[in-house]
Amino acid sequence: MDTSTRTGEGGIAAHERLYRSLRGKIMHGELTPGASLTLRGIGQQFGVSMTPAREAVRRLVAEGALTLSSSGRVATPALSNERIEELAALRALLEPELASRALPRAHIALIDRLQDINHTLAEVVSRHDAVGYIRANLEFHRTLYLRAQAPAMLALTETVWLQLGPTMRALYGRLGRTESPQFHKSIVAALKAGDEPGLRLAVRADVTHGLRLLAG
């Protein structure tokens, strides 16, 4: 049986497992902007044949997470200032709306979970762990937005995160983080107070502040 259809743990096909692994690496900033990839290298790294590697790359190119040149070169996108501004604007549109929809279901267990994630963020910042920071930061937002019960909107948001992953890695290095994101406390405070306008403002500031510095 070809490795493109062979299933492994959990009955997931090889190309699906590879796609999820690569998608996670890109979204969490494990690959830098403009990093080159080869199908052969991907296959060797993940122990699969060219067929699942090609299928995973095809899907990630379609999502804007990778680029494919006419010569066949695969790379993570090196985003222009204009593209960063565009993606920041998308985050500013989508994420305050998700947070607003989550607010009626923002019970104490959710707030406690968000505060726990903030503590994790403080720990990874102290270790200068860029990938850990991006992973925990996205977990903070995803944990909140799941309460919105708006799966289509969340899927669009995650596609934006995916396209921004390598750039977020570059941004982390540029900002030289020494503390947790300043707006997370404002988000939690707005949730506790049931302050929908304040929540929208805090989320919008959180998701655009750094990106606009990078584009500037």
N, C-alpha and C. Protein backbone atom coordinates (compact mmCIF):
# COMPACT_ATOMS: atom_id res chain seq x y z
N MET A 1 0.85 -1.20 0.00
CA MET A 1 0.00 0.00 0.00
C MET A 1 0.88 1.25 0.00
N ASP A 2 0.53 2.25 -0.81
CA ASP A 2 1.30 3.48 -0.88
C ASP A 2 1.18 4.25 0.43
N THR A 3 2.27 4.95 0.81
CA THR A 3 2.24 5.68 2.08
C THR A 3 1.27 6.85 2.06
N SER A 4 0.80 7.23 0.86
CA SER A 4 -0.18 8.31 0.81
C SER A 4 -1.53 7.88 1.34
N THR A 5 -1.80 6.56 1.34
CA THR A 5 -3.09 6.08 1.83
C THR A 5 -2.95 5.23 3.08
N ARG A 6 -1.74 4.84 3.41
CA ARG A 6 -1.54 4.01 4.60
C ARG A 6 -1.96 4.78 5.84
N THR A 7 -2.65 4.11 6.72
CA THR A 7 -3.08 4.76 7.95
C THR A 7 -2.24 4.29 9.11
N GLY A 8 -2.14 5.13 10.10
CA GLY A 8 -1.35 4.81 11.28
C GLY A 8 -2.17 5.03 12.52
N GLU A 9 -1.55 5.68 13.50
CA GLU A 9 -2.20 5.90 14.79
C GLU A 9 -3.50 6.67 14.61
N GLY A 10 -4.57 6.11 15.16
CA GLY A 10 -5.87 6.77 15.08
C GLY A 10 -6.52 6.62 13.73
N GLY A 11 -5.94 5.81 12.82
CA GLY A 11 -6.54 5.62 11.51
C GLY A 11 -6.39 6.81 10.59
N ILE A 12 -5.46 7.71 10.85
CA ILE A 12 -5.27 8.91 10.03
C ILE A 12 -4.26 8.61 8.93
N ALA A 13 -4.59 8.96 7.70
CA ALA A 13 -3.70 8.72 6.57
C ALA A 13 -2.40 9.50 6.72
N ALA A 14 -1.33 8.98 6.08
CA ALA A 14 -0.01 9.59 6.21
C ALA A 14 -0.02 11.05 5.76
N HIS A 15 -0.71 11.34 4.65
CA HIS A 15 -0.68 12.73 4.16
C HIS A 15 -1.43 13.66 5.11
N GLU A 16 -2.46 13.15 5.81
CA GLU A 16 -3.19 13.98 6.76
C GLU A 16 -2.34 14.27 8.00
N ARG A 17 -1.64 13.25 8.47
CA ARG A 17 -0.75 13.46 9.63
C ARG A 17 0.35 14.45 9.28
N LEU A 18 0.92 14.30 8.09
CA LEU A 18 1.98 15.20 7.65
C LEU A 18 1.44 16.62 7.51
N TYR A 19 0.28 16.76 6.92
CA TYR A 19 -0.33 18.08 6.76
C TYR A 19 -0.52 18.76 8.11
N ARG A 20 -1.06 18.01 9.08
CA ARG A 20 -1.29 18.60 10.41
C ARG A 20 0.02 19.00 11.09
N SER A 21 1.04 18.15 10.93
CA SER A 21 2.33 18.46 11.55
C SER A 21 2.96 19.70 10.94
N LEU A 22 2.98 19.76 9.61
CA LEU A 22 3.56 20.92 8.93
C LEU A 22 2.76 22.18 9.23
N ARG A 23 1.44 22.05 9.24
CA ARG A 23 0.58 23.19 9.51
C ARG A 23 0.88 23.76 10.91
N GLY A 24 1.03 22.87 11.89
CA GLY A 24 1.35 23.32 13.24
C GLY A 24 2.70 24.01 13.31
N LYS A 25 3.69 23.47 12.63
CA LYS A 25 5.03 24.07 12.63
C LYS A 25 5.00 25.47 12.04
N ILE A 26 4.26 25.63 10.95
CA ILE A 26 4.20 26.94 10.30
C ILE A 26 3.43 27.92 11.16
N MET A 27 2.27 27.51 11.67
CA MET A 27 1.43 28.41 12.47
C MET A 27 2.14 28.87 13.73
N HIS A 28 2.95 27.99 14.33
CA HIS A 28 3.61 28.32 15.60
C HIS A 28 5.00 28.92 15.41
N GLY A 29 5.34 29.27 14.18
CA GLY A 29 6.59 29.99 13.95
C GLY A 29 7.84 29.14 14.03
N GLU A 30 7.72 27.83 13.83
CA GLU A 30 8.92 27.00 13.84
C GLU A 30 9.72 27.16 12.55
N LEU A 31 9.10 27.72 11.53
CA LEU A 31 9.79 28.02 10.27
C LEU A 31 9.83 29.53 10.10
N THR A 32 10.95 30.04 9.67
CA THR A 32 11.13 31.48 9.52
C THR A 32 10.60 31.95 8.16
N PRO A 33 10.35 33.27 7.98
CA PRO A 33 9.87 33.77 6.69
C PRO A 33 10.87 33.48 5.57
N GLY A 34 10.36 32.98 4.45
CA GLY A 34 11.21 32.71 3.28
C GLY A 34 12.01 31.43 3.38
N ALA A 35 11.73 30.58 4.38
CA ALA A 35 12.47 29.31 4.51
C ALA A 35 12.11 28.37 3.37
N SER A 36 13.12 27.80 2.73
CA SER A 36 12.90 26.89 1.61
C SER A 36 12.66 25.47 2.10
N LEU A 37 11.78 24.77 1.41
CA LEU A 37 11.48 23.37 1.71
C LEU A 37 11.57 22.57 0.42
N THR A 38 11.85 21.29 0.53
CA THR A 38 11.79 20.40 -0.63
C THR A 38 10.91 19.22 -0.28
N LEU A 39 10.26 18.66 -1.29
CA LEU A 39 9.43 17.49 -1.06
C LEU A 39 10.26 16.34 -0.52
N ARG A 40 11.46 16.19 -1.06
CA ARG A 40 12.33 15.12 -0.60
C ARG A 40 12.71 15.33 0.88
N GLY A 41 13.04 16.57 1.22
CA GLY A 41 13.41 16.87 2.60
C GLY A 41 12.25 16.64 3.56
N ILE A 42 11.06 17.06 3.15
CA ILE A 42 9.88 16.85 3.98
C ILE A 42 9.63 15.36 4.17
N GLY A 43 9.74 14.60 3.08
CA GLY A 43 9.54 13.17 3.16
C GLY A 43 10.53 12.50 4.09
N GLN A 44 11.79 12.91 4.01
CA GLN A 44 12.81 12.32 4.87
C GLN A 44 12.58 12.69 6.32
N GLN A 45 12.22 13.94 6.58
CA GLN A 45 12.02 14.39 7.96
C GLN A 45 10.87 13.65 8.64
N PHE A 46 9.81 13.39 7.88
CA PHE A 46 8.61 12.80 8.47
C PHE A 46 8.44 11.32 8.14
N GLY A 47 9.39 10.76 7.39
CA GLY A 47 9.36 9.33 7.10
C GLY A 47 8.22 8.91 6.20
N VAL A 48 7.94 9.75 5.18
CA VAL A 48 6.88 9.41 4.22
C VAL A 48 7.43 9.52 2.80
N SER A 49 6.66 9.02 1.84
CA SER A 49 7.08 9.09 0.44
C SER A 49 6.77 10.46 -0.15
N MET A 50 7.10 10.65 -1.40
CA MET A 50 6.88 11.93 -2.07
C MET A 50 5.39 12.22 -2.22
N THR A 51 4.56 11.19 -2.35
CA THR A 51 3.13 11.43 -2.61
C THR A 51 2.44 12.15 -1.46
N PRO A 52 2.53 11.68 -0.21
CA PRO A 52 1.91 12.45 0.88
C PRO A 52 2.58 13.80 1.10
N ALA A 53 3.88 13.89 0.85
CA ALA A 53 4.56 15.19 0.98
C ALA A 53 3.99 16.18 -0.03
N ARG A 54 3.79 15.72 -1.25
CA ARG A 54 3.25 16.59 -2.31
C ARG A 54 1.83 17.01 -1.98
N GLU A 55 1.02 16.09 -1.45
CA GLU A 55 -0.37 16.40 -1.12
C GLU A 55 -0.44 17.41 0.04
N ALA A 56 0.38 17.23 1.06
CA ALA A 56 0.39 18.16 2.18
C ALA A 56 0.81 19.55 1.74
N VAL A 57 1.84 19.62 0.91
CA VAL A 57 2.31 20.92 0.40
C VAL A 57 1.22 21.58 -0.44
N ARG A 58 0.56 20.80 -1.28
CA ARG A 58 -0.51 21.35 -2.13
C ARG A 58 -1.59 22.02 -1.27
N ARG A 59 -1.99 21.36 -0.19
CA ARG A 59 -3.02 21.92 0.68
C ARG A 59 -2.53 23.19 1.38
N LEU A 60 -1.28 23.20 1.80
CA LEU A 60 -0.75 24.37 2.52
C LEU A 60 -0.52 25.55 1.57
N VAL A 61 -0.19 25.26 0.32
CA VAL A 61 -0.09 26.33 -0.68
C VAL A 61 -1.48 26.94 -0.89
N ALA A 62 -2.51 26.10 -0.96
CA ALA A 62 -3.87 26.58 -1.17
C ALA A 62 -4.33 27.47 -0.01
N GLU A 63 -3.82 27.20 1.19
CA GLU A 63 -4.20 27.99 2.37
C GLU A 63 -3.32 29.24 2.54
N GLY A 64 -2.33 29.42 1.68
CA GLY A 64 -1.47 30.58 1.79
C GLY A 64 -0.36 30.43 2.81
N ALA A 65 -0.18 29.20 3.33
CA ALA A 65 0.87 28.97 4.33
C ALA A 65 2.23 28.75 3.70
N LEU A 66 2.23 28.28 2.45
CA LEU A 66 3.45 28.08 1.68
C LEU A 66 3.28 28.70 0.30
N THR A 67 4.38 29.01 -0.34
CA THR A 67 4.35 29.48 -1.72
C THR A 67 5.03 28.45 -2.61
N LEU A 68 4.58 28.38 -3.85
CA LEU A 68 5.15 27.46 -4.83
C LEU A 68 5.47 28.25 -6.08
N SER A 69 6.77 28.36 -6.42
CA SER A 69 7.17 29.13 -7.58
C SER A 69 7.01 28.31 -8.85
N SER A 70 7.12 28.98 -10.00
CA SER A 70 7.01 28.29 -11.29
C SER A 70 8.12 27.26 -11.46
N SER A 71 9.24 27.45 -10.76
CA SER A 71 10.36 26.51 -10.85
C SER A 71 10.19 25.33 -9.89
N GLY A 72 9.11 25.38 -9.08
CA GLY A 72 8.86 24.29 -8.14
C GLY A 72 9.42 24.52 -6.76
N ARG A 73 9.97 25.71 -6.49
CA ARG A 73 10.51 26.01 -5.18
C ARG A 73 9.39 26.22 -4.18
N VAL A 74 9.45 25.51 -3.06
CA VAL A 74 8.46 25.64 -1.98
C VAL A 74 9.10 26.44 -0.85
N ALA A 75 8.38 27.41 -0.32
CA ALA A 75 8.93 28.23 0.76
C ALA A 75 7.81 28.78 1.62
N THR A 76 8.16 29.18 2.84
CA THR A 76 7.22 29.95 3.65
C THR A 76 7.21 31.37 3.12
N PRO A 77 6.07 32.04 3.16
CA PRO A 77 5.99 33.38 2.57
C PRO A 77 6.80 34.41 3.36
N ALA A 78 7.52 35.25 2.63
CA ALA A 78 8.18 36.41 3.22
C ALA A 78 7.25 37.58 2.97
N LEU A 79 6.44 37.94 3.94
CA LEU A 79 5.35 38.87 3.71
C LEU A 79 5.85 40.31 3.57
N SER A 80 5.22 41.04 2.64
CA SER A 80 5.49 42.46 2.48
C SER A 80 4.74 43.25 3.55
N ASN A 81 5.12 44.52 3.70
CA ASN A 81 4.41 45.37 4.65
C ASN A 81 2.93 45.46 4.32
N GLU A 82 2.62 45.53 3.01
CA GLU A 82 1.22 45.63 2.59
C GLU A 82 0.45 44.37 2.98
N ARG A 83 1.07 43.21 2.83
CA ARG A 83 0.40 41.96 3.17
C ARG A 83 0.22 41.84 4.69
N ILE A 84 1.22 42.27 5.44
CA ILE A 84 1.08 42.25 6.90
C ILE A 84 -0.06 43.16 7.34
N GLU A 85 -0.16 44.33 6.73
CA GLU A 85 -1.25 45.25 7.05
C GLU A 85 -2.60 44.61 6.73
N GLU A 86 -2.67 43.91 5.60
CA GLU A 86 -3.93 43.26 5.21
C GLU A 86 -4.33 42.19 6.22
N LEU A 87 -3.38 41.36 6.62
CA LEU A 87 -3.68 40.29 7.57
C LEU A 87 -4.00 40.85 8.95
N ALA A 88 -3.32 41.94 9.33
CA ALA A 88 -3.64 42.60 10.60
C ALA A 88 -5.07 43.14 10.58
N ALA A 89 -5.47 43.69 9.43
CA ALA A 89 -6.84 44.21 9.30
C ALA A 89 -7.86 43.08 9.41
N LEU A 90 -7.54 41.92 8.84
CA LEU A 90 -8.44 40.77 8.96
C LEU A 90 -8.57 40.34 10.43
N ARG A 91 -7.45 40.29 11.13
CA ARG A 91 -7.51 39.94 12.55
C ARG A 91 -8.37 40.97 13.31
N ALA A 92 -8.22 42.23 12.97
CA ALA A 92 -8.97 43.29 13.65
C ALA A 92 -10.46 43.18 13.39
N LEU A 93 -10.85 42.62 12.24
CA LEU A 93 -12.26 42.43 11.93
C LEU A 93 -12.83 41.17 12.58
N LEU A 94 -12.10 40.07 12.47
CA LEU A 94 -12.61 38.78 12.87
C LEU A 94 -12.57 38.55 14.38
N GLU A 95 -11.43 38.89 15.00
CA GLU A 95 -11.22 38.45 16.38
C GLU A 95 -12.04 39.23 17.41
N PRO A 96 -12.22 40.55 17.27
CA PRO A 96 -13.14 41.21 18.21
C PRO A 96 -14.56 40.66 18.11
N GLU A 97 -14.98 40.28 16.90
CA GLU A 97 -16.31 39.71 16.74
C GLU A 97 -16.42 38.35 17.42
N LEU A 98 -15.39 37.52 17.27
CA LEU A 98 -15.38 36.23 17.94
C LEU A 98 -15.42 36.42 19.47
N ALA A 99 -14.63 37.35 19.96
CA ALA A 99 -14.61 37.60 21.41
C ALA A 99 -15.97 38.08 21.90
N SER A 100 -16.60 38.96 21.12
CA SER A 100 -17.91 39.47 21.49
C SER A 100 -18.93 38.34 21.57
N ARG A 101 -18.87 37.43 20.60
CA ARG A 101 -19.81 36.30 20.60
C ARG A 101 -19.52 35.32 21.73
N ALA A 102 -18.27 35.28 22.18
CA ALA A 102 -17.90 34.40 23.28
C ALA A 102 -18.32 34.95 24.64
N LEU A 103 -18.47 36.26 24.73
CA LEU A 103 -18.70 36.92 26.02
C LEU A 103 -19.88 36.35 26.81
N PRO A 104 -21.04 36.08 26.20
CA PRO A 104 -22.16 35.53 26.99
C PRO A 104 -21.86 34.17 27.61
N ARG A 105 -20.85 33.47 27.08
CA ARG A 105 -20.49 32.16 27.62
C ARG A 105 -19.14 32.19 28.34
N ALA A 106 -18.71 33.38 28.73
CA ALA A 106 -17.41 33.54 29.41
C ALA A 106 -17.59 33.33 30.91
N HIS A 107 -17.73 32.09 31.32
CA HIS A 107 -17.93 31.78 32.73
C HIS A 107 -16.59 31.74 33.45
N ILE A 108 -16.63 31.55 34.74
CA ILE A 108 -15.43 31.64 35.57
C ILE A 108 -14.39 30.60 35.18
N ALA A 109 -14.82 29.43 34.72
CA ALA A 109 -13.86 28.40 34.32
C ALA A 109 -13.03 28.86 33.13
N LEU A 110 -13.66 29.56 32.19
CA LEU A 110 -12.93 30.08 31.04
C LEU A 110 -11.93 31.14 31.48
N ILE A 111 -12.37 32.05 32.34
CA ILE A 111 -11.47 33.11 32.80
C ILE A 111 -10.28 32.52 33.55
N ASP A 112 -10.53 31.51 34.37
CA ASP A 112 -9.44 30.85 35.08
C ASP A 112 -8.46 30.22 34.10
N ARG A 113 -9.00 29.60 33.04
CA ARG A 113 -8.14 28.96 32.04
C ARG A 113 -7.29 30.01 31.32
N LEU A 114 -7.87 31.12 30.97
CA LEU A 114 -7.12 32.18 30.29
C LEU A 114 -6.01 32.72 31.19
N GLN A 115 -6.29 32.84 32.47
CA GLN A 115 -5.26 33.31 33.40
C GLN A 115 -4.13 32.28 33.54
N ASP A 116 -4.48 31.00 33.50
CA ASP A 116 -3.45 29.96 33.53
C ASP A 116 -2.55 30.06 32.30
N ILE A 117 -3.16 30.30 31.15
CA ILE A 117 -2.37 30.43 29.92
C ILE A 117 -1.46 31.65 30.01
N ASN A 118 -1.96 32.73 30.60
CA ASN A 118 -1.11 33.91 30.79
C ASN A 118 0.10 33.60 31.66
N HIS A 119 -0.08 32.77 32.68
CA HIS A 119 1.05 32.37 33.50
C HIS A 119 2.05 31.57 32.68
N THR A 120 1.54 30.70 31.80
CA THR A 120 2.43 29.94 30.91
C THR A 120 3.19 30.89 29.99
N LEU A 121 2.51 31.90 29.48
CA LEU A 121 3.17 32.89 28.62
C LEU A 121 4.31 33.58 29.36
N ALA A 122 4.08 33.93 30.61
CA ALA A 122 5.14 34.57 31.39
C ALA A 122 6.35 33.66 31.53
N GLU A 123 6.10 32.36 31.69
CA GLU A 123 7.21 31.40 31.82
C GLU A 123 8.00 31.27 30.52
N VAL A 124 7.30 31.18 29.38
CA VAL A 124 8.04 31.00 28.12
C VAL A 124 8.78 32.28 27.74
N VAL A 125 8.21 33.42 28.11
CA VAL A 125 8.93 34.68 27.86
C VAL A 125 10.23 34.71 28.65
N SER A 126 10.18 34.24 29.89
CA SER A 126 11.39 34.24 30.72
C SER A 126 12.47 33.32 30.16
N ARG A 127 12.04 32.31 29.39
CA ARG A 127 12.99 31.39 28.76
C ARG A 127 13.39 31.83 27.35
N HIS A 128 12.84 32.95 26.90
CA HIS A 128 13.10 33.45 25.53
C HIS A 128 12.73 32.39 24.50
N ASP A 129 11.61 31.72 24.72
CA ASP A 129 11.15 30.63 23.87
C ASP A 129 10.13 31.19 22.88
N ALA A 130 10.58 31.54 21.68
CA ALA A 130 9.70 32.19 20.71
C ALA A 130 8.56 31.28 20.28
N VAL A 131 8.88 30.03 19.96
CA VAL A 131 7.84 29.10 19.51
C VAL A 131 6.84 28.82 20.63
N GLY A 132 7.33 28.63 21.85
CA GLY A 132 6.44 28.42 22.98
C GLY A 132 5.55 29.62 23.22
N TYR A 133 6.08 30.82 23.01
CA TYR A 133 5.30 32.04 23.16
C TYR A 133 4.17 32.10 22.15
N ILE A 134 4.50 31.85 20.87
CA ILE A 134 3.47 31.91 19.82
C ILE A 134 2.41 30.85 20.07
N ARG A 135 2.85 29.65 20.44
CA ARG A 135 1.90 28.56 20.70
C ARG A 135 0.94 28.92 21.84
N ALA A 136 1.48 29.43 22.94
CA ALA A 136 0.64 29.77 24.09
C ALA A 136 -0.25 30.97 23.79
N ASN A 137 0.26 31.93 23.04
CA ASN A 137 -0.52 33.10 22.69
C ASN A 137 -1.74 32.71 21.85
N LEU A 138 -1.52 31.84 20.86
CA LEU A 138 -2.64 31.39 20.04
C LEU A 138 -3.60 30.53 20.85
N GLU A 139 -3.09 29.78 21.80
CA GLU A 139 -3.97 28.98 22.66
C GLU A 139 -4.89 29.89 23.47
N PHE A 140 -4.35 31.01 23.95
CA PHE A 140 -5.16 31.99 24.69
C PHE A 140 -6.34 32.44 23.83
N HIS A 141 -6.04 32.83 22.60
CA HIS A 141 -7.09 33.35 21.73
C HIS A 141 -8.06 32.24 21.32
N ARG A 142 -7.54 31.07 20.95
CA ARG A 142 -8.42 29.98 20.52
C ARG A 142 -9.34 29.53 21.66
N THR A 143 -8.81 29.48 22.88
CA THR A 143 -9.62 29.08 24.03
C THR A 143 -10.81 30.01 24.21
N LEU A 144 -10.57 31.30 24.04
CA LEU A 144 -11.65 32.28 24.14
C LEU A 144 -12.62 32.13 22.97
N TYR A 145 -12.09 32.05 21.75
CA TYR A 145 -12.95 32.08 20.57
C TYR A 145 -13.78 30.81 20.40
N LEU A 146 -13.34 29.71 20.96
CA LEU A 146 -14.14 28.49 20.88
C LEU A 146 -15.51 28.69 21.55
N ARG A 147 -15.56 29.57 22.54
CA ARG A 147 -16.82 29.84 23.23
C ARG A 147 -17.78 30.65 22.35
N ALA A 148 -17.29 31.19 21.25
CA ALA A 148 -18.16 31.96 20.35
C ALA A 148 -19.14 31.06 19.61
N GLN A 149 -18.79 29.78 19.49
CA GLN A 149 -19.60 28.83 18.73
C GLN A 149 -19.85 29.35 17.31
N ALA A 150 -18.76 29.78 16.67
CA ALA A 150 -18.80 30.30 15.30
C ALA A 150 -17.68 29.63 14.51
N PRO A 151 -17.87 28.35 14.15
CA PRO A 151 -16.78 27.57 13.56
C PRO A 151 -16.26 28.12 12.24
N ALA A 152 -17.12 28.67 11.40
CA ALA A 152 -16.66 29.20 10.12
C ALA A 152 -15.75 30.41 10.34
N MET A 153 -16.15 31.27 11.26
CA MET A 153 -15.35 32.47 11.56
C MET A 153 -14.02 32.09 12.20
N LEU A 154 -14.03 31.07 13.06
CA LEU A 154 -12.79 30.62 13.69
C LEU A 154 -11.87 29.99 12.65
N ALA A 155 -12.42 29.24 11.71
CA ALA A 155 -11.61 28.63 10.66
C ALA A 155 -10.91 29.69 9.82
N LEU A 156 -11.63 30.76 9.50
CA LEU A 156 -11.01 31.87 8.75
C LEU A 156 -9.89 32.50 9.56
N THR A 157 -10.13 32.68 10.84
CA THR A 157 -9.12 33.28 11.72
C THR A 157 -7.87 32.41 11.78
N GLU A 158 -8.05 31.11 11.89
CA GLU A 158 -6.90 30.20 11.96
C GLU A 158 -6.11 30.20 10.66
N THR A 159 -6.79 30.42 9.52
CA THR A 159 -6.07 30.53 8.26
C THR A 159 -5.19 31.78 8.26
N VAL A 160 -5.68 32.88 8.84
CA VAL A 160 -4.87 34.09 8.97
C VAL A 160 -3.67 33.82 9.87
N TRP A 161 -3.91 33.14 10.99
CA TRP A 161 -2.80 32.79 11.89
C TRP A 161 -1.76 31.96 11.15
N LEU A 162 -2.23 31.03 10.34
CA LEU A 162 -1.33 30.15 9.59
C LEU A 162 -0.45 30.95 8.65
N GLN A 163 -1.05 31.88 7.92
CA GLN A 163 -0.28 32.70 6.98
C GLN A 163 0.71 33.60 7.70
N LEU A 164 0.40 33.96 8.94
CA LEU A 164 1.25 34.87 9.70
C LEU A 164 2.31 34.17 10.53
N GLY A 165 2.25 32.84 10.66
CA GLY A 165 3.12 32.13 11.59
C GLY A 165 4.59 32.50 11.51
N PRO A 166 5.22 32.35 10.34
CA PRO A 166 6.64 32.70 10.25
C PRO A 166 6.91 34.17 10.55
N THR A 167 5.97 35.04 10.13
CA THR A 167 6.13 36.47 10.41
C THR A 167 6.04 36.75 11.90
N MET A 168 5.16 36.02 12.61
CA MET A 168 5.07 36.20 14.06
C MET A 168 6.38 35.81 14.74
N ARG A 169 7.07 34.83 14.18
CA ARG A 169 8.38 34.45 14.72
C ARG A 169 9.36 35.63 14.56
N ALA A 170 9.34 36.25 13.38
CA ALA A 170 10.21 37.41 13.15
C ALA A 170 9.82 38.57 14.06
N LEU A 171 8.51 38.74 14.28
CA LEU A 171 8.04 39.81 15.13
C LEU A 171 8.49 39.62 16.57
N TYR A 172 8.43 38.38 17.04
CA TYR A 172 8.86 38.09 18.41
C TYR A 172 10.31 38.54 18.61
N GLY A 173 11.17 38.23 17.64
CA GLY A 173 12.56 38.64 17.73
C GLY A 173 12.73 40.15 17.70
N ARG A 174 11.89 40.82 16.91
CA ARG A 174 11.97 42.28 16.79
C ARG A 174 11.55 42.97 18.09
N LEU A 175 10.49 42.45 18.72
CA LEU A 175 9.97 43.12 19.91
C LEU A 175 10.79 42.84 21.16
N GLY A 176 11.51 41.71 21.17
CA GLY A 176 12.31 41.37 22.34
C GLY A 176 11.47 41.26 23.59
N ARG A 177 10.46 40.40 23.56
CA ARG A 177 9.52 40.26 24.67
C ARG A 177 10.21 40.02 26.01
N THR A 178 9.77 40.76 27.01
CA THR A 178 10.26 40.54 28.38
C THR A 178 9.11 40.28 29.34
N GLU A 179 7.87 40.36 28.82
CA GLU A 179 6.70 40.12 29.67
C GLU A 179 5.55 39.62 28.81
N SER A 180 4.51 39.14 29.46
CA SER A 180 3.33 38.65 28.75
C SER A 180 2.67 39.78 27.97
N PRO A 181 1.87 39.45 26.95
CA PRO A 181 1.20 40.50 26.17
C PRO A 181 0.41 41.44 27.07
N GLN A 182 0.62 42.72 26.89
CA GLN A 182 0.04 43.71 27.80
C GLN A 182 -1.48 43.76 27.72
N PHE A 183 -2.04 43.41 26.57
CA PHE A 183 -3.48 43.54 26.40
C PHE A 183 -4.25 42.32 26.91
N HIS A 184 -3.56 41.23 27.22
CA HIS A 184 -4.26 40.05 27.73
C HIS A 184 -4.96 40.34 29.05
N LYS A 185 -4.32 41.12 29.90
CA LYS A 185 -4.94 41.48 31.18
C LYS A 185 -6.21 42.30 30.95
N SER A 186 -6.17 43.17 29.94
CA SER A 186 -7.36 43.97 29.62
C SER A 186 -8.48 43.09 29.09
N ILE A 187 -8.12 42.06 28.31
CA ILE A 187 -9.12 41.13 27.80
C ILE A 187 -9.79 40.39 28.95
N VAL A 188 -8.99 39.88 29.87
CA VAL A 188 -9.54 39.15 31.02
C VAL A 188 -10.40 40.08 31.88
N ALA A 189 -9.94 41.30 32.10
CA ALA A 189 -10.71 42.24 32.91
C ALA A 189 -12.06 42.55 32.27
N ALA A 190 -12.08 42.71 30.95
CA ALA A 190 -13.33 42.99 30.24
C ALA A 190 -14.28 41.81 30.32
N LEU A 191 -13.73 40.61 30.23
CA LEU A 191 -14.57 39.41 30.37
C LEU A 191 -15.19 39.34 31.75
N LYS A 192 -14.39 39.62 32.78
CA LYS A 192 -14.91 39.58 34.15
C LYS A 192 -16.02 40.61 34.35
N ALA A 193 -15.86 41.77 33.71
CA ALA A 193 -16.82 42.86 33.90
C ALA A 193 -18.01 42.76 32.95
N GLY A 194 -17.96 41.83 32.01
CA GLY A 194 -19.01 41.76 31.00
C GLY A 194 -19.03 42.98 30.10
N ASP A 195 -17.86 43.57 29.87
CA ASP A 195 -17.71 44.83 29.14
C ASP A 195 -17.45 44.52 27.66
N GLU A 196 -18.51 44.47 26.87
CA GLU A 196 -18.36 44.09 25.46
C GLU A 196 -17.56 45.12 24.64
N PRO A 197 -17.83 46.42 24.76
CA PRO A 197 -17.01 47.39 24.02
C PRO A 197 -15.54 47.35 24.45
N GLY A 198 -15.30 47.22 25.76
CA GLY A 198 -13.92 47.14 26.24
C GLY A 198 -13.22 45.89 25.76
N LEU A 199 -13.97 44.79 25.67
CA LEU A 199 -13.40 43.54 25.18
C LEU A 199 -13.00 43.67 23.72
N ARG A 200 -13.88 44.25 22.92
CA ARG A 200 -13.55 44.45 21.50
C ARG A 200 -12.29 45.31 21.34
N LEU A 201 -12.21 46.39 22.11
CA LEU A 201 -11.05 47.27 22.01
C LEU A 201 -9.76 46.55 22.43
N ALA A 202 -9.84 45.77 23.51
CA ALA A 202 -8.64 45.08 24.00
C ALA A 202 -8.17 44.02 23.01
N VAL A 203 -9.10 43.26 22.44
CA VAL A 203 -8.73 42.24 21.47
C VAL A 203 -8.15 42.88 20.22
N ARG A 204 -8.79 43.93 19.73
CA ARG A 204 -8.28 44.59 18.52
C ARG A 204 -6.88 45.13 18.75
N ALA A 205 -6.64 45.73 19.89
CA ALA A 205 -5.31 46.25 20.20
C ALA A 205 -4.29 45.12 20.29
N ASP A 206 -4.68 44.02 20.92
CA ASP A 206 -3.77 42.90 21.11
C ASP A 206 -3.32 42.29 19.80
N VAL A 207 -4.26 42.12 18.87
CA VAL A 207 -3.94 41.37 17.64
C VAL A 207 -3.32 42.25 16.56
N THR A 208 -3.34 43.57 16.73
CA THR A 208 -2.78 44.43 15.69
C THR A 208 -1.54 45.21 16.12
N HIS A 209 -1.35 45.40 17.42
CA HIS A 209 -0.29 46.29 17.90
C HIS A 209 1.09 45.89 17.37
N GLY A 210 1.49 44.67 17.61
CA GLY A 210 2.81 44.23 17.18
C GLY A 210 2.95 44.18 15.68
N LEU A 211 1.91 43.69 14.98
CA LEU A 211 1.98 43.58 13.53
C LEU A 211 2.16 44.95 12.88
N ARG A 212 1.49 45.93 13.41
CA ARG A 212 1.62 47.27 12.81
C ARG A 212 3.00 47.86 13.09
N LEU A 213 3.61 47.50 14.22
CA LEU A 213 4.99 47.91 14.45
C LEU A 213 5.93 47.27 13.43
N LEU A 214 5.67 46.00 13.13
CA LEU A 214 6.51 45.27 12.19
C LEU A 214 6.38 45.87 10.79
N ALA A 215 5.15 46.19 10.41
CA ALA A 215 4.90 46.74 9.07
C ALA A 215 5.42 48.17 8.96
N GLY A 216 5.49 48.85 10.12
CA GLY A 216 5.96 50.23 10.09
C GLY A 216 7.43 50.31 9.85
